[in-house]
N, C-alpha and C. Protein backbone atom coordinates (compact mmCIF):
# COMPACT_ATOMS: atom_id res chain seq x y z
N MET A 1 -12.03 25.18 -4.35
CA MET A 1 -12.80 23.97 -4.21
C MET A 1 -13.34 23.93 -2.78
N THR A 2 -14.61 23.67 -2.65
CA THR A 2 -15.20 23.57 -1.33
C THR A 2 -14.95 22.19 -0.74
N LYS A 3 -15.18 22.06 0.54
CA LYS A 3 -15.02 20.78 1.21
C LYS A 3 -16.00 19.76 0.65
N GLU A 4 -17.22 20.19 0.36
CA GLU A 4 -18.22 19.27 -0.19
C GLU A 4 -17.80 18.73 -1.55
N VAL A 5 -17.24 19.57 -2.40
CA VAL A 5 -16.77 19.11 -3.72
C VAL A 5 -15.59 18.16 -3.55
N PHE A 6 -14.66 18.50 -2.68
CA PHE A 6 -13.50 17.64 -2.42
C PHE A 6 -13.95 16.26 -1.93
N LYS A 7 -14.92 16.23 -1.04
CA LYS A 7 -15.40 14.96 -0.46
C LYS A 7 -16.07 14.06 -1.49
N LYS A 8 -16.44 14.60 -2.64
CA LYS A 8 -17.10 13.81 -3.68
C LYS A 8 -16.13 13.28 -4.74
N LEU A 9 -14.85 13.64 -4.64
CA LEU A 9 -13.88 13.18 -5.63
C LEU A 9 -13.71 11.66 -5.57
N ASN A 10 -13.57 11.05 -6.74
CA ASN A 10 -13.29 9.62 -6.80
C ASN A 10 -12.03 9.33 -6.01
N GLY A 11 -12.02 8.24 -5.30
CA GLY A 11 -10.85 7.86 -4.51
C GLY A 11 -10.84 8.48 -3.12
N ILE A 12 -11.70 9.44 -2.90
CA ILE A 12 -11.78 10.09 -1.58
C ILE A 12 -13.15 9.85 -0.96
N ALA A 13 -14.18 9.89 -1.78
CA ALA A 13 -15.56 9.85 -1.29
C ALA A 13 -15.86 8.67 -0.39
N LEU A 14 -15.30 7.51 -0.67
CA LEU A 14 -15.61 6.31 0.11
C LEU A 14 -14.53 5.98 1.13
N ASN A 15 -13.54 6.82 1.27
CA ASN A 15 -12.45 6.55 2.19
C ASN A 15 -12.94 6.69 3.63
N PRO A 16 -12.68 5.69 4.48
CA PRO A 16 -13.14 5.77 5.87
C PRO A 16 -12.45 6.87 6.68
N LEU A 17 -11.39 7.43 6.12
CA LEU A 17 -10.67 8.51 6.79
C LEU A 17 -10.91 9.85 6.10
N LEU A 18 -12.03 9.96 5.45
CA LEU A 18 -12.37 11.15 4.66
C LEU A 18 -12.20 12.45 5.44
N ASP A 19 -12.71 12.52 6.65
CA ASP A 19 -12.59 13.76 7.43
C ASP A 19 -11.14 14.07 7.78
N ARG A 20 -10.33 13.04 8.00
CA ARG A 20 -8.91 13.24 8.32
C ARG A 20 -8.14 13.70 7.08
N ILE A 21 -8.50 13.17 5.92
CA ILE A 21 -7.87 13.61 4.67
C ILE A 21 -8.20 15.08 4.44
N CYS A 22 -9.47 15.44 4.63
CA CYS A 22 -9.87 16.85 4.50
C CYS A 22 -9.04 17.73 5.43
N PHE A 23 -8.89 17.29 6.66
CA PHE A 23 -8.10 18.03 7.64
C PHE A 23 -6.66 18.22 7.15
N CYS A 24 -6.06 17.17 6.61
CA CYS A 24 -4.66 17.23 6.18
C CYS A 24 -4.43 18.11 4.96
N VAL A 25 -5.45 18.28 4.13
CA VAL A 25 -5.28 19.13 2.95
C VAL A 25 -5.73 20.57 3.21
N GLY A 26 -6.18 20.86 4.42
CA GLY A 26 -6.54 22.23 4.77
C GLY A 26 -8.03 22.52 4.76
N LEU A 27 -8.84 21.48 4.73
CA LEU A 27 -10.29 21.68 4.76
C LEU A 27 -10.83 21.25 6.12
N GLU A 28 -10.39 21.97 7.15
CA GLU A 28 -10.74 21.60 8.52
C GLU A 28 -12.22 21.78 8.81
N ASP A 29 -12.81 22.86 8.31
CA ASP A 29 -14.22 23.11 8.60
C ASP A 29 -15.00 23.24 7.30
N ASP A 30 -16.31 23.23 7.41
CA ASP A 30 -17.17 23.22 6.23
C ASP A 30 -17.07 24.49 5.39
N ALA A 31 -16.65 25.59 5.98
CA ALA A 31 -16.54 26.85 5.25
C ALA A 31 -15.20 26.99 4.50
N ALA A 32 -14.26 26.12 4.79
CA ALA A 32 -12.93 26.21 4.17
C ALA A 32 -13.01 25.87 2.67
N THR A 33 -12.12 26.49 1.92
CA THR A 33 -12.01 26.20 0.49
C THR A 33 -10.54 26.06 0.12
N LEU A 34 -10.30 25.42 -1.02
CA LEU A 34 -8.94 25.28 -1.54
C LEU A 34 -8.88 25.92 -2.92
N ASN A 35 -7.84 26.72 -3.16
CA ASN A 35 -7.60 27.15 -4.52
C ASN A 35 -6.81 26.03 -5.21
N PHE A 36 -6.55 26.17 -6.49
CA PHE A 36 -5.92 25.09 -7.25
C PHE A 36 -4.54 24.75 -6.69
N GLU A 37 -3.76 25.77 -6.35
CA GLU A 37 -2.42 25.52 -5.81
C GLU A 37 -2.49 24.76 -4.48
N ALA A 38 -3.38 25.16 -3.59
CA ALA A 38 -3.53 24.48 -2.31
C ALA A 38 -4.01 23.04 -2.51
N PHE A 39 -4.89 22.84 -3.49
CA PHE A 39 -5.35 21.49 -3.81
C PHE A 39 -4.17 20.62 -4.24
N LEU A 40 -3.34 21.13 -5.14
CA LEU A 40 -2.18 20.37 -5.62
C LEU A 40 -1.20 20.06 -4.49
N ILE A 41 -0.96 21.03 -3.64
CA ILE A 41 -0.05 20.82 -2.50
C ILE A 41 -0.63 19.77 -1.56
N GLY A 42 -1.93 19.85 -1.29
CA GLY A 42 -2.57 18.88 -0.40
C GLY A 42 -2.52 17.47 -0.95
N VAL A 43 -2.84 17.31 -2.22
CA VAL A 43 -2.80 15.98 -2.83
C VAL A 43 -1.36 15.48 -2.94
N ALA A 44 -0.43 16.38 -3.18
CA ALA A 44 0.99 15.99 -3.28
C ALA A 44 1.50 15.43 -1.95
N SER A 45 0.91 15.83 -0.84
CA SER A 45 1.37 15.30 0.44
C SER A 45 1.09 13.80 0.54
N PHE A 46 0.22 13.28 -0.31
CA PHE A 46 -0.05 11.85 -0.38
C PHE A 46 0.64 11.19 -1.58
N ASN A 47 0.82 11.92 -2.67
CA ASN A 47 1.17 11.30 -3.94
C ASN A 47 2.57 11.61 -4.48
N ALA A 48 3.20 12.65 -4.05
CA ALA A 48 4.47 13.06 -4.67
C ALA A 48 5.58 12.05 -4.40
N PRO A 49 6.18 11.51 -5.46
CA PRO A 49 7.31 10.59 -5.26
C PRO A 49 8.50 11.35 -4.69
N GLY A 50 9.27 10.68 -3.88
CA GLY A 50 10.46 11.30 -3.32
C GLY A 50 10.18 12.23 -2.15
N ARG A 51 8.96 12.23 -1.66
CA ARG A 51 8.61 13.11 -0.54
C ARG A 51 8.20 12.29 0.66
N GLY A 52 9.04 11.32 1.00
CA GLY A 52 8.75 10.40 2.08
C GLY A 52 8.49 11.07 3.41
N GLU A 53 9.26 12.09 3.73
CA GLU A 53 9.08 12.80 5.00
C GLU A 53 7.71 13.45 5.07
N VAL A 54 7.26 14.04 3.97
CA VAL A 54 5.94 14.68 3.93
C VAL A 54 4.85 13.63 4.09
N LYS A 55 5.00 12.49 3.40
CA LYS A 55 4.01 11.42 3.52
C LYS A 55 3.96 10.88 4.95
N LEU A 56 5.12 10.73 5.57
CA LEU A 56 5.15 10.25 6.96
C LEU A 56 4.42 11.22 7.88
N LYS A 57 4.70 12.50 7.72
CA LYS A 57 4.04 13.50 8.57
C LYS A 57 2.53 13.52 8.34
N THR A 58 2.12 13.33 7.09
CA THR A 58 0.69 13.30 6.78
C THR A 58 0.03 12.07 7.39
N ALA A 59 0.67 10.91 7.26
CA ALA A 59 0.13 9.68 7.84
C ALA A 59 0.03 9.80 9.36
N PHE A 60 1.03 10.40 9.96
CA PHE A 60 1.01 10.60 11.41
C PHE A 60 -0.14 11.53 11.80
N LYS A 61 -0.29 12.61 11.06
CA LYS A 61 -1.35 13.59 11.34
C LYS A 61 -2.74 12.96 11.19
N ILE A 62 -2.90 12.08 10.22
CA ILE A 62 -4.18 11.40 10.02
C ILE A 62 -4.54 10.58 11.26
N GLN A 63 -3.54 9.94 11.87
CA GLN A 63 -3.79 9.07 13.01
C GLN A 63 -3.83 9.80 14.35
N ASP A 64 -3.38 11.04 14.37
CA ASP A 64 -3.41 11.84 15.60
C ASP A 64 -4.75 12.56 15.70
N PHE A 65 -5.79 11.82 16.08
CA PHE A 65 -7.16 12.34 16.08
C PHE A 65 -7.36 13.51 17.02
N ASP A 66 -6.67 13.53 18.15
CA ASP A 66 -6.88 14.63 19.10
C ASP A 66 -5.94 15.81 18.85
N GLY A 67 -5.04 15.67 17.88
CA GLY A 67 -4.19 16.79 17.47
C GLY A 67 -3.15 17.23 18.47
N ASP A 68 -2.75 16.34 19.37
CA ASP A 68 -1.76 16.73 20.38
C ASP A 68 -0.31 16.44 19.99
N GLY A 69 -0.09 16.00 18.75
CA GLY A 69 1.26 15.74 18.29
C GLY A 69 1.80 14.37 18.66
N MET A 70 0.94 13.53 19.22
CA MET A 70 1.30 12.16 19.61
C MET A 70 0.13 11.26 19.21
N ILE A 71 0.44 9.98 18.99
CA ILE A 71 -0.62 9.00 18.73
C ILE A 71 -0.83 8.23 20.02
N SER A 72 -2.00 8.42 20.60
CA SER A 72 -2.35 7.72 21.85
C SER A 72 -3.03 6.39 21.49
N LYS A 73 -3.26 5.59 22.51
CA LYS A 73 -3.98 4.33 22.30
C LYS A 73 -5.40 4.62 21.80
N GLN A 74 -5.99 5.70 22.28
CA GLN A 74 -7.33 6.08 21.83
C GLN A 74 -7.30 6.48 20.35
N ASP A 75 -6.26 7.24 19.96
CA ASP A 75 -6.12 7.63 18.55
C ASP A 75 -6.00 6.39 17.67
N LEU A 76 -5.14 5.46 18.06
CA LEU A 76 -4.91 4.26 17.25
C LEU A 76 -6.17 3.39 17.21
N ASN A 77 -6.88 3.31 18.31
CA ASN A 77 -8.13 2.55 18.32
C ASN A 77 -9.15 3.16 17.36
N GLU A 78 -9.26 4.47 17.37
CA GLU A 78 -10.17 5.17 16.45
C GLU A 78 -9.78 4.89 15.00
N TYR A 79 -8.49 4.97 14.71
CA TYR A 79 -7.99 4.69 13.36
C TYR A 79 -8.36 3.26 12.94
N LEU A 80 -8.08 2.30 13.79
CA LEU A 80 -8.39 0.91 13.48
C LEU A 80 -9.88 0.67 13.31
N GLN A 81 -10.67 1.32 14.13
CA GLN A 81 -12.12 1.18 14.04
C GLN A 81 -12.61 1.64 12.68
N ARG A 82 -12.00 2.68 12.16
CA ARG A 82 -12.42 3.21 10.87
C ARG A 82 -11.97 2.35 9.69
N ILE A 83 -10.78 1.79 9.79
CA ILE A 83 -10.25 1.06 8.62
C ILE A 83 -10.53 -0.44 8.64
N THR A 84 -10.99 -0.96 9.76
CA THR A 84 -11.32 -2.39 9.84
C THR A 84 -12.78 -2.53 10.20
N SER A 85 -13.50 -3.30 9.43
CA SER A 85 -14.92 -3.47 9.73
C SER A 85 -15.22 -4.78 10.44
N THR A 86 -14.24 -5.68 10.49
CA THR A 86 -14.51 -7.00 11.05
C THR A 86 -13.87 -7.23 12.41
N CYS A 87 -13.06 -6.31 12.87
CA CYS A 87 -12.39 -6.48 14.17
C CYS A 87 -13.33 -6.14 15.32
N SER A 88 -13.32 -6.98 16.32
CA SER A 88 -14.07 -6.68 17.54
C SER A 88 -13.28 -5.68 18.38
N GLU A 89 -13.92 -5.14 19.39
CA GLU A 89 -13.24 -4.21 20.30
C GLU A 89 -12.05 -4.90 20.96
N ALA A 90 -12.21 -6.14 21.35
CA ALA A 90 -11.11 -6.89 21.99
C ALA A 90 -9.95 -7.10 21.02
N GLU A 91 -10.26 -7.39 19.76
CA GLU A 91 -9.20 -7.57 18.76
C GLU A 91 -8.46 -6.26 18.50
N ARG A 92 -9.22 -5.16 18.42
CA ARG A 92 -8.58 -3.85 18.22
C ARG A 92 -7.68 -3.52 19.41
N GLU A 93 -8.15 -3.79 20.61
CA GLU A 93 -7.35 -3.51 21.80
C GLU A 93 -6.06 -4.33 21.79
N GLU A 94 -6.14 -5.57 21.37
CA GLU A 94 -4.95 -6.42 21.26
C GLU A 94 -3.98 -5.87 20.22
N ILE A 95 -4.50 -5.42 19.09
CA ILE A 95 -3.65 -4.84 18.04
C ILE A 95 -2.99 -3.56 18.56
N VAL A 96 -3.77 -2.71 19.21
CA VAL A 96 -3.24 -1.46 19.76
C VAL A 96 -2.09 -1.75 20.74
N ASN A 97 -2.32 -2.68 21.64
CA ASN A 97 -1.28 -3.01 22.62
C ASN A 97 -0.03 -3.55 21.96
N GLU A 98 -0.19 -4.38 20.94
CA GLU A 98 0.97 -4.93 20.23
C GLU A 98 1.71 -3.84 19.46
N VAL A 99 0.98 -2.95 18.82
CA VAL A 99 1.62 -1.83 18.11
C VAL A 99 2.43 -0.99 19.09
N PHE A 100 1.88 -0.72 20.25
CA PHE A 100 2.61 0.07 21.24
C PHE A 100 3.84 -0.67 21.75
N ARG A 101 3.73 -1.97 21.93
CA ARG A 101 4.91 -2.75 22.37
C ARG A 101 6.03 -2.68 21.33
N GLU A 102 5.66 -2.74 20.05
CA GLU A 102 6.65 -2.77 18.99
C GLU A 102 7.15 -1.39 18.58
N THR A 103 6.38 -0.37 18.85
CA THR A 103 6.68 0.97 18.33
C THR A 103 7.35 1.89 19.33
N SER A 104 6.88 1.92 20.53
CA SER A 104 7.35 2.89 21.50
C SER A 104 8.79 2.61 21.92
N SER A 105 9.58 3.66 21.98
CA SER A 105 10.97 3.53 22.44
C SER A 105 11.04 3.39 23.95
N ASP A 106 9.94 3.71 24.63
CA ASP A 106 9.86 3.59 26.08
C ASP A 106 8.64 2.74 26.42
N PRO A 107 8.85 1.54 26.99
CA PRO A 107 7.72 0.65 27.26
C PRO A 107 6.65 1.24 28.18
N LYS A 108 7.00 2.23 28.98
CA LYS A 108 6.04 2.86 29.89
C LYS A 108 5.24 3.96 29.19
N GLN A 109 5.69 4.33 28.01
CA GLN A 109 5.07 5.43 27.28
C GLN A 109 3.68 5.05 26.80
N GLU A 110 2.74 5.94 26.97
CA GLU A 110 1.35 5.70 26.56
C GLU A 110 1.01 6.37 25.23
N GLN A 111 2.03 6.92 24.58
CA GLN A 111 1.82 7.60 23.31
C GLN A 111 2.97 7.28 22.38
N ILE A 112 2.70 7.36 21.07
CA ILE A 112 3.74 7.16 20.06
C ILE A 112 4.13 8.53 19.52
N SER A 113 5.40 8.83 19.61
CA SER A 113 5.90 10.10 19.09
C SER A 113 6.11 9.98 17.58
N PHE A 114 6.28 11.12 16.93
CA PHE A 114 6.57 11.07 15.49
C PHE A 114 7.88 10.33 15.24
N ALA A 115 8.87 10.53 16.09
CA ALA A 115 10.17 9.85 15.92
C ALA A 115 10.00 8.33 15.98
N ASP A 116 9.22 7.84 16.93
CA ASP A 116 8.96 6.40 17.02
C ASP A 116 8.18 5.90 15.81
N PHE A 117 7.18 6.65 15.41
CA PHE A 117 6.37 6.32 14.23
C PHE A 117 7.27 6.22 13.00
N GLN A 118 8.10 7.23 12.83
CA GLN A 118 9.00 7.28 11.68
C GLN A 118 9.98 6.10 11.70
N ARG A 119 10.53 5.80 12.86
CA ARG A 119 11.51 4.72 12.99
C ARG A 119 10.93 3.38 12.54
N VAL A 120 9.66 3.14 12.86
CA VAL A 120 9.03 1.87 12.53
C VAL A 120 8.50 1.86 11.09
N VAL A 121 7.82 2.92 10.70
CA VAL A 121 7.16 2.95 9.40
C VAL A 121 8.16 3.06 8.25
N ILE A 122 9.26 3.71 8.47
CA ILE A 122 10.25 3.90 7.41
C ILE A 122 10.79 2.56 6.90
N LEU A 123 10.72 1.53 7.74
CA LEU A 123 11.21 0.20 7.35
C LEU A 123 10.29 -0.46 6.32
N LEU A 124 9.06 -0.02 6.24
CA LEU A 124 8.10 -0.55 5.28
C LEU A 124 8.27 0.17 3.95
N ASP A 125 7.70 -0.34 2.90
CA ASP A 125 7.72 0.36 1.61
C ASP A 125 6.60 1.39 1.62
N PHE A 126 6.64 2.21 2.64
CA PHE A 126 5.56 3.14 2.95
C PHE A 126 5.32 4.15 1.83
N GLN A 127 6.37 4.74 1.32
CA GLN A 127 6.23 5.79 0.32
C GLN A 127 5.50 5.31 -0.92
N ALA A 128 5.71 4.07 -1.31
CA ALA A 128 5.05 3.53 -2.49
C ALA A 128 3.59 3.19 -2.23
N LYS A 129 3.22 2.98 -0.97
CA LYS A 129 1.86 2.53 -0.66
C LYS A 129 0.89 3.66 -0.35
N VAL A 130 1.39 4.82 0.01
CA VAL A 130 0.51 5.93 0.37
C VAL A 130 0.26 6.80 -0.84
N HIS A 131 -1.00 6.84 -1.27
CA HIS A 131 -1.39 7.71 -2.38
C HIS A 131 -2.91 7.86 -2.41
N LEU A 132 -3.35 8.93 -3.01
CA LEU A 132 -4.77 9.16 -3.24
C LEU A 132 -5.01 9.02 -4.73
N SER A 133 -5.91 8.17 -5.10
CA SER A 133 -6.28 8.01 -6.51
C SER A 133 -7.47 8.90 -6.80
N ILE A 134 -7.18 10.07 -7.36
CA ILE A 134 -8.28 10.99 -7.67
C ILE A 134 -8.33 11.27 -9.15
């Protein structure tokens, strides 16, 4: 499956994080393709029940826009900008600062580690809420 075909699938085509989803399933560049097994593995990272750790890692990877293994304030702002259409820049900045206050294990830290992300997100019914409807 080519990246263009994947991007047209129902449930993915209109997703504001389309490019990040492509990245997480292995379609980093336009020339990349997925065979059926790779497609199933990629979609399972969002949909497989009982695979909470995989879903957490995928959600973290989606939000780590610069790919440095941490979620920075810039990463989180980019994420919020994509998923919220009504928030102003000031509102997004306030949300980002509050998320960092509540999430980071070190108040001086300017990035959220996977461990901090996992510690906070695991408390939510996260596994049931993350899925791709294709």
